[in-house]
PDB file of N, CA and C in Angstrom:
ATOM      1  N   UNK A   1       4.772 -11.125  72.790  1.00  0.00           N
ATOM      2  CA  UNK A   1       4.130 -12.017  71.935  1.00  0.00           C
ATOM      3  C   UNK A   1       3.583 -10.560  71.120  1.00  0.00           C
ATOM      4  N   UNK A   2       2.601 -11.090  70.500  1.00  0.00           N
ATOM      5  CA  UNK A   2       2.354 -10.372  69.405  1.00  0.00           C
ATOM      6  C   UNK A   2       0.576 -10.110  69.373  1.00  0.00           C
ATOM      7  N   UNK A   3       0.549  -8.745  69.358  1.00  0.00           N
ATOM      8  CA  UNK A   3      -0.909  -8.984  69.839  1.00  0.00           C
ATOM      9  C   UNK A   3      -1.890  -9.226  68.941  1.00  0.00           C
ATOM     10  N   UNK A   4      -1.460  -9.238  67.573  1.00  0.00           N
ATOM     11  CA  UNK A   4      -2.152  -9.557  66.526  1.00  0.00           C
ATOM     12  C   UNK A   4      -2.702 -10.654  66.531  1.00  0.00           C
ATOM     13  N   UNK A   5      -1.304 -11.347  67.291  1.00  0.00           N
ATOM     14  CA  UNK A   5      -2.051 -13.240  66.809  1.00  0.00           C
ATOM     15  C   UNK A   5      -3.206 -13.317  68.135  1.00  0.00           C
ATOM     16  N   UNK A   6      -2.854 -12.619  69.187  1.00  0.00           N
ATOM     17  CA  UNK A   6      -4.035 -12.522  70.617  1.00  0.00           C
ATOM     18  C   UNK A   6      -5.198 -12.360  70.203  1.00  0.00           C
ATOM     19  N   UNK A   7      -5.118 -11.042  69.368  1.00  0.00           N
ATOM     20  CA  UNK A   7      -6.291 -10.830  69.175  1.00  0.00           C
ATOM     21  C   UNK A   7      -7.237 -11.791  67.962  1.00  0.00           C
ATOM     22  N   UNK A   8      -6.949 -12.257  67.277  1.00  0.00           N
ATOM     23  CA  UNK A   8      -7.170 -13.365  66.741  1.00  0.00           C
ATOM     24  C   UNK A   8      -7.803 -14.729  67.468  1.00  0.00           C
ATOM     25  N   UNK A   9      -6.379 -14.848  68.454  1.00  0.00           N
ATOM     26  CA  UNK A   9      -6.764 -16.051  69.276  1.00  0.00           C
ATOM     27  C   UNK A   9      -8.457 -15.527  70.127  1.00  0.00           C
ATOM     28  N   UNK A  10      -8.410 -14.926  70.756  1.00  0.00           N
ATOM     29  CA  UNK A  10      -9.653 -14.129  71.461  1.00  0.00           C
ATOM     30  C   UNK A  10     -10.740 -13.950  70.664  1.00  0.00           C
ATOM     31  N   UNK A  11     -10.907 -14.275  69.495  1.00  0.00           N
ATOM     32  CA  UNK A  11     -12.105 -14.142  69.054  1.00  0.00           C
ATOM     33  C   UNK A  11     -12.609 -15.530  69.051  1.00  0.00           C
ATOM     34  N   UNK A  12     -11.293 -16.843  68.701  1.00  0.00           N
ATOM     35  CA  UNK A  12     -11.490 -17.795  68.512  1.00  0.00           C
ATOM     36  C   UNK A  12     -12.108 -18.520  69.962  1.00  0.00           C
ATOM     37  N   UNK A  13     -11.439 -18.495  71.147  1.00  0.00           N
ATOM     38  CA  UNK A  13     -11.164 -18.409  72.719  1.00  0.00           C
ATOM     39  C   UNK A  13     -11.841 -17.936  73.361  1.00  0.00           C
ATOM     40  N   UNK A  14     -13.343 -17.086  73.786  1.00  0.00           N
ATOM     41  CA  UNK A  14     -13.551 -15.931  74.348  1.00  0.00           C
ATOM     42  C   UNK A  14     -12.953 -15.164  75.730  1.00  0.00           C
ATOM     43  N   UNK A  15     -12.768 -16.936  76.612  1.00  0.00           N
ATOM     44  CA  UNK A  15     -12.501 -16.862  77.840  1.00  0.00           C
ATOM     45  C   UNK A  15     -10.831 -16.493  78.304  1.00  0.00           C
ATOM     46  N   UNK A  16     -10.527 -15.753  78.849  1.00  0.00           N
ATOM     47  CA  UNK A  16      -8.603 -15.233  79.188  1.00  0.00           C
ATOM     48  C   UNK A  16      -8.403 -16.279  79.685  1.00  0.00           C
ATOM     49  N   UNK A  17      -8.849 -17.405  80.289  1.00  0.00           N
ATOM     50  CA  UNK A  17      -8.442 -18.859  81.259  1.00  0.00           C
ATOM     51  C   UNK A  17      -8.395 -19.522  80.347  1.00  0.00           C
ATOM     52  N   UNK A  18      -9.146 -19.690  80.152  1.00  0.00           N
ATOM     53  CA  UNK A  18      -9.058 -20.937  79.031  1.00  0.00           C
ATOM     54  C   UNK A  18      -7.824 -20.654  77.507  1.00  0.00           C
ATOM     55  N   UNK A  19      -7.580 -19.493  77.044  1.00  0.00           N
ATOM     56  CA  UNK A  19      -7.181 -19.058  76.464  1.00  0.00           C
ATOM     57  C   UNK A  19      -5.336 -19.240  76.919  1.00  0.00           C
ATOM     58  N   UNK A  20      -5.603 -18.808  78.115  1.00  0.00           N
ATOM     59  CA  UNK A  20      -4.001 -19.175  78.674  1.00  0.00           C
ATOM     60  C   UNK A  20      -3.464 -20.173  79.132  1.00  0.00           C
ATOM     61  N   UNK A  21      -4.410 -21.293  79.226  1.00  0.00           N
ATOM     62  CA  UNK A  21      -3.624 -22.537  79.542  1.00  0.00           C
ATOM     63  C   UNK A  21      -3.761 -23.392  78.034  1.00  0.00           C
ATOM     64  N   UNK A  22      -4.646 -23.134  77.071  1.00  0.00           N
ATOM     65  CA  UNK A  22      -4.732 -23.526  75.663  1.00  0.00           C
ATOM     66  C   UNK A  22      -3.345 -23.069  75.346  1.00  0.00           C
ATOM     67  N   UNK A  23      -2.996 -22.188  75.359  1.00  0.00           N
ATOM     68  CA  UNK A  23      -2.122 -21.310  74.350  1.00  0.00           C
ATOM     69  C   UNK A  23      -0.440 -21.776  74.760  1.00  0.00           C
ATOM     70  N   UNK A  24      -0.877 -21.624  76.140  1.00  0.00           N
ATOM     71  CA  UNK A  24       0.351 -22.368  77.082  1.00  0.00           C
ATOM     72  C   UNK A  24       0.879 -23.935  76.830  1.00  0.00           C
ATOM     73  N   UNK A  25       0.074 -24.636  76.717  1.00  0.00           N
ATOM     74  CA  UNK A  25      -0.451 -26.007  76.637  1.00  0.00           C
ATOM     75  C   UNK A  25       0.761 -26.422  75.447  1.00  0.00           C
ATOM     76  N   UNK A  26      -0.129 -25.750  74.516  1.00  0.00           N
ATOM     77  CA  UNK A  26       0.459 -25.900  72.847  1.00  0.00           C
ATOM     78  C   UNK A  26       1.800 -25.196  72.794  1.00  0.00           C
ATOM     79  N   UNK A  27       2.091 -24.117  73.292  1.00  0.00           N
ATOM     80  CA  UNK A  27       3.350 -23.615  73.272  1.00  0.00           C
ATOM     81  C   UNK A  27       4.654 -24.651  73.866  1.00  0.00           C
ATOM     82  N   UNK A  28       3.895 -25.033  75.010  1.00  0.00           N
ATOM     83  CA  UNK A  28       4.930 -26.469  75.158  1.00  0.00           C
ATOM     84  C   UNK A  28       5.287 -27.251  74.676  1.00  0.00           C
ATOM     85  N   UNK A  29       4.144 -27.636  74.325  1.00  0.00           N
ATOM     86  CA  UNK A  29       4.488 -28.650  73.094  1.00  0.00           C
ATOM     87  C   UNK A  29       5.208 -28.563  71.992  1.00  0.00           C
ATOM     88  N   UNK A  30       5.614 -27.237  70.909  1.00  0.00           N
ATOM     89  CA  UNK A  30       5.992 -26.940  70.294  1.00  0.00           C
ATOM     90  C   UNK A  30       7.551 -26.216  70.721  1.00  0.00           C
ATOM     91  N   UNK A  31       7.618 -26.012  71.981  1.00  0.00           N
ATOM     92  CA  UNK A  31       9.003 -26.515  73.126  1.00  0.00           C
ATOM     93  C   UNK A  31       9.674 -27.434  73.123  1.00  0.00           C
ATOM     94  N   UNK A  32       9.053 -28.750  73.097  1.00  0.00           N
ATOM     95  CA  UNK A  32       9.901 -29.562  73.278  1.00  0.00           C
ATOM     96  C   UNK A  32       9.663 -30.552  71.921  1.00  0.00           C
ATOM     97  N   UNK A  33       9.589 -30.323  70.823  1.00  0.00           N
ATOM     98  CA  UNK A  33       9.575 -30.580  69.254  1.00  0.00           C
ATOM     99  C   UNK A  33       8.222 -30.746  68.716  1.00  0.00           C
ATOM    100  N   UNK A  34       7.486 -30.477  69.312  1.00  0.00           N
ATOM    101  CA  UNK A  34       6.077 -30.284  68.087  1.00  0.00           C
ATOM    102  C   UNK A  34       6.088 -29.582  67.087  1.00  0.00           C
ATOM    103  N   UNK A  35       5.981 -30.128  65.521  1.00  0.00           N
ATOM    104  CA  UNK A  35       5.814 -29.199  64.697  1.00  0.00           C
ATOM    105  C   UNK A  35       4.987 -28.062  64.638  1.00  0.00           C
ATOM    106  N   UNK A  36       5.169 -27.268  64.384  1.00  0.00           N
ATOM    107  CA  UNK A  36       3.813 -26.106  64.195  1.00  0.00           C
ATOM    108  C   UNK A  36       3.262 -26.587  63.493  1.00  0.00           C
ATOM    109  N   UNK A  37       1.789 -25.968  63.149  1.00  0.00           N
ATOM    110  CA  UNK A  37       0.915 -26.382  62.102  1.00  0.00           C
ATOM    111  C   UNK A  37       0.943 -25.014  61.145  1.00  0.00           C
ATOM    112  N   UNK A  38       1.302 -23.809  61.346  1.00  0.00           N
ATOM    113  CA  UNK A  38       1.640 -23.243  60.501  1.00  0.00           C
ATOM    114  C   UNK A  38       2.339 -22.197  59.953  1.00  0.00           C
ATOM    115  N   UNK A  39       3.120 -21.002  59.021  1.00  0.00           N
ATOM    116  CA  UNK A  39       4.107 -20.407  59.358  1.00  0.00           C
ATOM    117  C   UNK A  39       3.973 -19.485  59.875  1.00  0.00           C
ATOM    118  N   UNK A  40       4.589 -18.788  60.574  1.00  0.00           N
ATOM    119  CA  UNK A  40       4.695 -17.611  61.114  1.00  0.00           C
ATOM    120  C   UNK A  40       6.166 -16.680  61.333  1.00  0.00           C
ATOM    121  N   UNK A  41       6.014 -15.227  61.369  1.00  0.00           N
ATOM    122  CA  UNK A  41       7.142 -14.845  61.802  1.00  0.00           C
ATOM    123  C   UNK A  41       7.715 -15.329  62.343  1.00  0.00           C
ATOM    124  N   UNK A  42       7.753 -15.247  63.429  1.00  0.00           N
ATOM    125  CA  UNK A  42       7.825 -15.106  64.875  1.00  0.00           C
ATOM    126  C   UNK A  42       8.444 -16.212  65.314  1.00  0.00           C
ATOM    127  N   UNK A  43       9.939 -17.185  65.770  1.00  0.00           N
ATOM    128  CA  UNK A  43       9.747 -18.130  66.480  1.00  0.00           C
ATOM    129  C   UNK A  43       9.678 -18.140  67.671  1.00  0.00           C
ATOM    130  N   UNK A  44       9.028 -17.185  68.750  1.00  0.00           N
ATOM    131  CA  UNK A  44       8.797 -17.584  69.625  1.00  0.00           C
ATOM    132  C   UNK A  44       7.306 -18.601  69.920  1.00  0.00           C
ATOM    133  N   UNK A  45       7.503 -19.416  70.551  1.00  0.00           N
ATOM    134  CA  UNK A  45       6.338 -20.949  70.699  1.00  0.00           C
ATOM    135  C   UNK A  45       4.982 -20.433  70.898  1.00  0.00           C
ATOM    136  N   UNK A  46       5.157 -19.478  72.098  1.00  0.00           N
ATOM    137  CA  UNK A  46       3.517 -18.557  72.069  1.00  0.00           C
ATOM    138  C   UNK A  46       2.976 -17.999  71.145  1.00  0.00           C
ATOM    139  N   UNK A  47       3.429 -17.085  70.511  1.00  0.00           N
ATOM    140  CA  UNK A  47       3.010 -16.737  68.924  1.00  0.00           C
ATOM    141  C   UNK A  47       2.578 -17.984  68.121  1.00  0.00           C
ATOM    142  N   UNK A  48       3.483 -18.857  67.803  1.00  0.00           N
ATOM    143  CA  UNK A  48       2.980 -19.876  66.738  1.00  0.00           C
ATOM    144  C   UNK A  48       1.573 -20.290  67.373  1.00  0.00           C
ATOM    145  N   UNK A  49       1.678 -20.696  68.821  1.00  0.00           N
ATOM    146  CA  UNK A  49       0.378 -21.015  69.489  1.00  0.00           C
ATOM    147  C   UNK A  49      -0.621 -20.691  68.937  1.00  0.00           C
ATOM    148  N   UNK A  50      -0.612 -19.041  69.514  1.00  0.00           N
ATOM    149  CA  UNK A  50      -1.277 -18.236  69.409  1.00  0.00           C
ATOM    150  C   UNK A  50      -2.254 -18.162  68.010  1.00  0.00           C
ATOM    151  N   UNK A  51      -1.566 -17.720  67.063  1.00  0.00           N
ATOM    152  CA  UNK A  51      -1.294 -17.999  65.201  1.00  0.00           C
ATOM    153  C   UNK A  51      -2.875 -19.113  65.162  1.00  0.00           C
ATOM    154  N   UNK A  52      -2.000 -20.619  65.558  1.00  0.00           N
ATOM    155  CA  UNK A  52      -2.753 -21.661  65.192  1.00  0.00           C
ATOM    156  C   UNK A  52      -4.023 -21.514  66.106  1.00  0.00           C
ATOM    157  N   UNK A  53      -4.286 -20.985  67.335  1.00  0.00           N
ATOM    158  CA  UNK A  53      -6.084 -21.372  67.955  1.00  0.00           C
ATOM    159  C   UNK A  53      -6.088 -20.103  67.202  1.00  0.00           C
ATOM    160  N   UNK A  54      -5.333 -19.007  66.497  1.00  0.00           N
ATOM    161  CA  UNK A  54      -6.666 -18.264  65.802  1.00  0.00           C
ATOM    162  C   UNK A  54      -6.596 -18.508  64.245  1.00  0.00           C
ATOM    163  N   UNK A  55      -5.942 -19.314  64.058  1.00  0.00           N
ATOM    164  CA  UNK A  55      -6.901 -19.889  62.479  1.00  0.00           C
ATOM    165  C   UNK A  55      -7.842 -21.542  62.938  1.00  0.00           C
ATOM    166  N   UNK A  56      -8.034 -21.445  64.072  1.00  0.00           N
ATOM    167  CA  UNK A  56      -8.845 -22.360  64.565  1.00  0.00           C
ATOM    168  C   UNK A  56      -8.484 -23.749  64.240  1.00  0.00           C
ATOM    169  N   UNK A  57      -6.905 -24.101  64.404  1.00  0.00           N
ATOM    170  CA  UNK A  57      -5.902 -25.147  64.387  1.00  0.00           C
ATOM    171  C   UNK A  57      -6.423 -25.539  65.849  1.00  0.00           C
ATOM    172  N   UNK A  58      -6.659 -24.978  66.519  1.00  0.00           N
ATOM    173  CA  UNK A  58      -5.766 -25.484  67.925  1.00  0.00           C
ATOM    174  C   UNK A  58      -7.435 -25.162  69.178  1.00  0.00           C
ATOM    175  N   UNK A  59      -8.036 -26.359  69.598  1.00  0.00           N
ATOM    176  CA  UNK A  59      -9.330 -26.302  70.222  1.00  0.00           C
ATOM    177  C   UNK A  59      -9.265 -26.684  71.192  1.00  0.00           C
ATOM    178  N   UNK A  60     -10.031 -26.701  72.217  1.00  0.00           N
ATOM    179  CA  UNK A  60     -10.198 -27.353  73.355  1.00  0.00           C
ATOM    180  C   UNK A  60     -11.755 -27.964  73.203  1.00  0.00           C
ATOM    181  N   UNK A  61     -11.387 -29.288  74.912  1.00  0.00           N
ATOM    182  CA  UNK A  61     -12.780 -29.745  74.976  1.00  0.00           C
ATOM    183  C   UNK A  61     -12.823 -30.321  76.240  1.00  0.00           C
ATOM    184  N   UNK A  62     -14.182 -30.352  76.674  1.00  0.00           N
ATOM    185  CA  UNK A  62     -14.191 -30.780  78.643  1.00  0.00           C
ATOM    186  C   UNK A  62     -14.345 -31.682  78.654  1.00  0.00           C
ATOM    187  N   UNK A  63     -13.383 -32.527  79.816  1.00  0.00           N
ATOM    188  CA  UNK A  63     -13.781 -33.986  79.918  1.00  0.00           C
ATOM    189  C   UNK A  63     -15.519 -33.886  80.782  1.00  0.00           C
ATOM    190  N   UNK A  64     -15.946 -35.412  80.527  1.00  0.00           N
ATOM    191  CA  UNK A  64     -17.117 -35.234  81.372  1.00  0.00           C
ATOM    192  C   UNK A  64     -17.615 -35.362  82.884  1.00  0.00           C
ATOM    193  N   UNK A  65     -17.168 -34.680  84.287  1.00  0.00           N
ATOM    194  CA  UNK A  65     -17.244 -35.111  85.276  1.00  0.00           C
ATOM    195  C   UNK A  65     -17.506 -36.146  85.376  1.00  0.00           C
ATOM    196  N   UNK A  66     -19.099 -36.286  85.585  1.00  0.00           N
ATOM    197  CA  UNK A  66     -19.717 -37.487  85.859  1.00  0.00           C
ATOM    198  C   UNK A  66     -18.744 -38.947  85.080  1.00  0.00           C
ATOM    199  N   UNK A  67     -18.958 -39.090  84.013  1.00  0.00           N
ATOM    200  CA  UNK A  67     -18.126 -40.394  83.816  1.00  0.00           C
ATOM    201  C   UNK A  67     -16.483 -40.267  84.026  1.00  0.00           C
ATOM    202  N   UNK A  68     -15.860 -39.263  83.932  1.00  0.00           N
ATOM    203  CA  UNK A  68     -14.429 -39.596  85.393  1.00  0.00           C
ATOM    204  C   UNK A  68     -14.730 -40.026  86.182  1.00  0.00           C
ATOM    205  N   UNK A  69     -15.766 -39.981  87.123  1.00  0.00           N
ATOM    206  CA  UNK A  69     -16.722 -40.218  88.755  1.00  0.00           C
ATOM    207  C   UNK A  69     -16.310 -42.141  88.610  1.00  0.00           C
ATOM    208  N   UNK A  70     -17.258 -42.430  88.065  1.00  0.00           N
ATOM    209  CA  UNK A  70     -17.657 -43.139  87.299  1.00  0.00           C
ATOM    210  C   UNK A  70     -16.358 -44.315  87.160  1.00  0.00           C
ATOM    211  N   UNK A  71     -15.298 -43.778  86.563  1.00  0.00           N
ATOM    212  CA  UNK A  71     -14.337 -44.263  86.139  1.00  0.00           C
ATOM    213  C   UNK A  71     -13.789 -44.696  87.801  1.00  0.00           C
ATOM    214  N   UNK A  72     -13.369 -43.709  88.125  1.00  0.00           N
ATOM    215  CA  UNK A  72     -12.222 -43.367  89.614  1.00  0.00           C
ATOM    216  C   UNK A  72     -13.062 -44.593  90.353  1.00  0.00           C
ATOM    217  N   UNK A  73     -14.657 -44.718  90.496  1.00  0.00           N
ATOM    218  CA  UNK A  73     -14.907 -45.306  91.733  1.00  0.00           C
ATOM    219  C   UNK A  73     -15.315 -46.383  91.071  1.00  0.00           C
ATOM    220  N   UNK A  74     -15.268 -47.038  90.134  1.00  0.00           N
ATOM    221  CA  UNK A  74     -14.852 -48.511  89.414  1.00  0.00           C
ATOM    222  C   UNK A  74     -13.482 -49.157  89.492  1.00  0.00           C
ATOM    223  N   UNK A  75     -12.150 -47.861  89.465  1.00  0.00           N
ATOM    224  CA  UNK A  75     -11.012 -48.099  90.261  1.00  0.00           C
ATOM    225  C   UNK A  75     -10.865 -48.622  91.691  1.00  0.00           C
ATOM    226  N   UNK A  76     -11.219 -47.732  91.829  1.00  0.00           N
ATOM    227  CA  UNK A  76     -11.869 -47.760  93.332  1.00  0.00           C
ATOM    228  C   UNK A  76     -11.912 -49.537  93.887  1.00  0.00           C
ATOM    229  N   UNK A  77     -13.218 -49.088  93.515  1.00  0.00           N
ATOM    230  CA  UNK A  77     -13.844 -50.554  93.732  1.00  0.00           C
ATOM    231  C   UNK A  77     -12.519 -52.015  93.123  1.00  0.00           C
ATOM    232  N   UNK A  78     -12.557 -52.081  92.399  1.00  0.00           N
ATOM    233  CA  UNK A  78     -11.330 -53.089  92.041  1.00  0.00           C
ATOM    234  C   UNK A  78     -10.378 -53.657  92.550  1.00  0.00           C
ATOM    235  N   UNK A  79      -9.343 -52.115  92.996  1.00  0.00           N
ATOM    236  CA  UNK A  79      -8.726 -52.303  94.152  1.00  0.00           C
ATOM    237  C   UNK A  79      -8.539 -53.124  95.895  1.00  0.00           C
ATOM    238  N   UNK A  80     -10.079 -52.729  96.036  1.00  0.00           N
ATOM    239  CA  UNK A  80     -10.995 -52.866  97.319  1.00  0.00           C
ATOM    240  C   UNK A  80     -11.068 -54.825  97.122  1.00  0.00           C
ATOM    241  N   UNK A  81     -11.428 -55.376  95.545  1.00  0.00           N
ATOM    242  CA  UNK A  81     -11.808 -56.457  95.458  1.00  0.00           C
ATOM    243  C   UNK A  81     -10.843 -57.261  95.343  1.00  0.00           C
ATOM    244  N   UNK A  82      -9.748 -56.757  94.626  1.00  0.00           N
ATOM    245  CA  UNK A  82      -8.140 -57.694  94.059  1.00  0.00           C
ATOM    246  C   UNK A  82      -8.036 -59.056  95.070  1.00  0.00           C
ATOM    247  N   UNK A  83      -7.155 -60.036  94.879  1.00  0.00           N
ATOM    248  CA  UNK A  83      -6.902 -59.987  95.559  1.00  0.00           C
ATOM    249  C   UNK A  83      -5.838 -59.781  95.669  1.00  0.00           C
ATOM    250  N   UNK A  84      -4.919 -60.317  97.205  1.00  0.00           N
ATOM    251  CA  UNK A  84      -3.505 -59.427  97.997  1.00  0.00           C
ATOM    252  C   UNK A  84      -2.751 -60.582  96.493  1.00  0.00           C
ATOM    253  N   UNK A  85      -1.181 -60.207  96.586  1.00  0.00           N
ATOM    254  CA  UNK A  85      -0.408 -60.840  95.759  1.00  0.00           C
ATOM    255  C   UNK A  85      -0.064 -61.707  97.007  1.00  0.00           C
ATOM    256  N   UNK A  86       0.544 -62.920  96.436  1.00  0.00           N
ATOM    257  CA  UNK A  86       0.616 -63.907  97.374  1.00  0.00           C
ATOM    258  C   UNK A  86       2.570 -64.041  96.881  1.00  0.00           C
ATOM    259  N   UNK A  87       3.166 -64.078  98.666  1.00  0.00           N
ATOM    260  CA  UNK A  87       4.774 -63.642  98.309  1.00  0.00           C
ATOM    261  C   UNK A  87       5.448 -65.274  98.541  1.00  0.00           C
TER     262      UNK A  87
END
């Protein structure tokens, strides 16, 4: 891992736990064939991910827990009220 890329990424995503998750997910995408958004001297997927984050090309967003709870409740209600399949 290139420390210069890590330092750049830390300036964009200051929380180390979030940076770890975001960079790992992007590195996994790259390993599975996603195209890199930057030219990087390193072929290491984590270095590429950190450079993308450092340049502001990759970000993150938290979901809305209240909205997710409502969707989950509606799904449970739909299952309970759905007619049983006749065999």
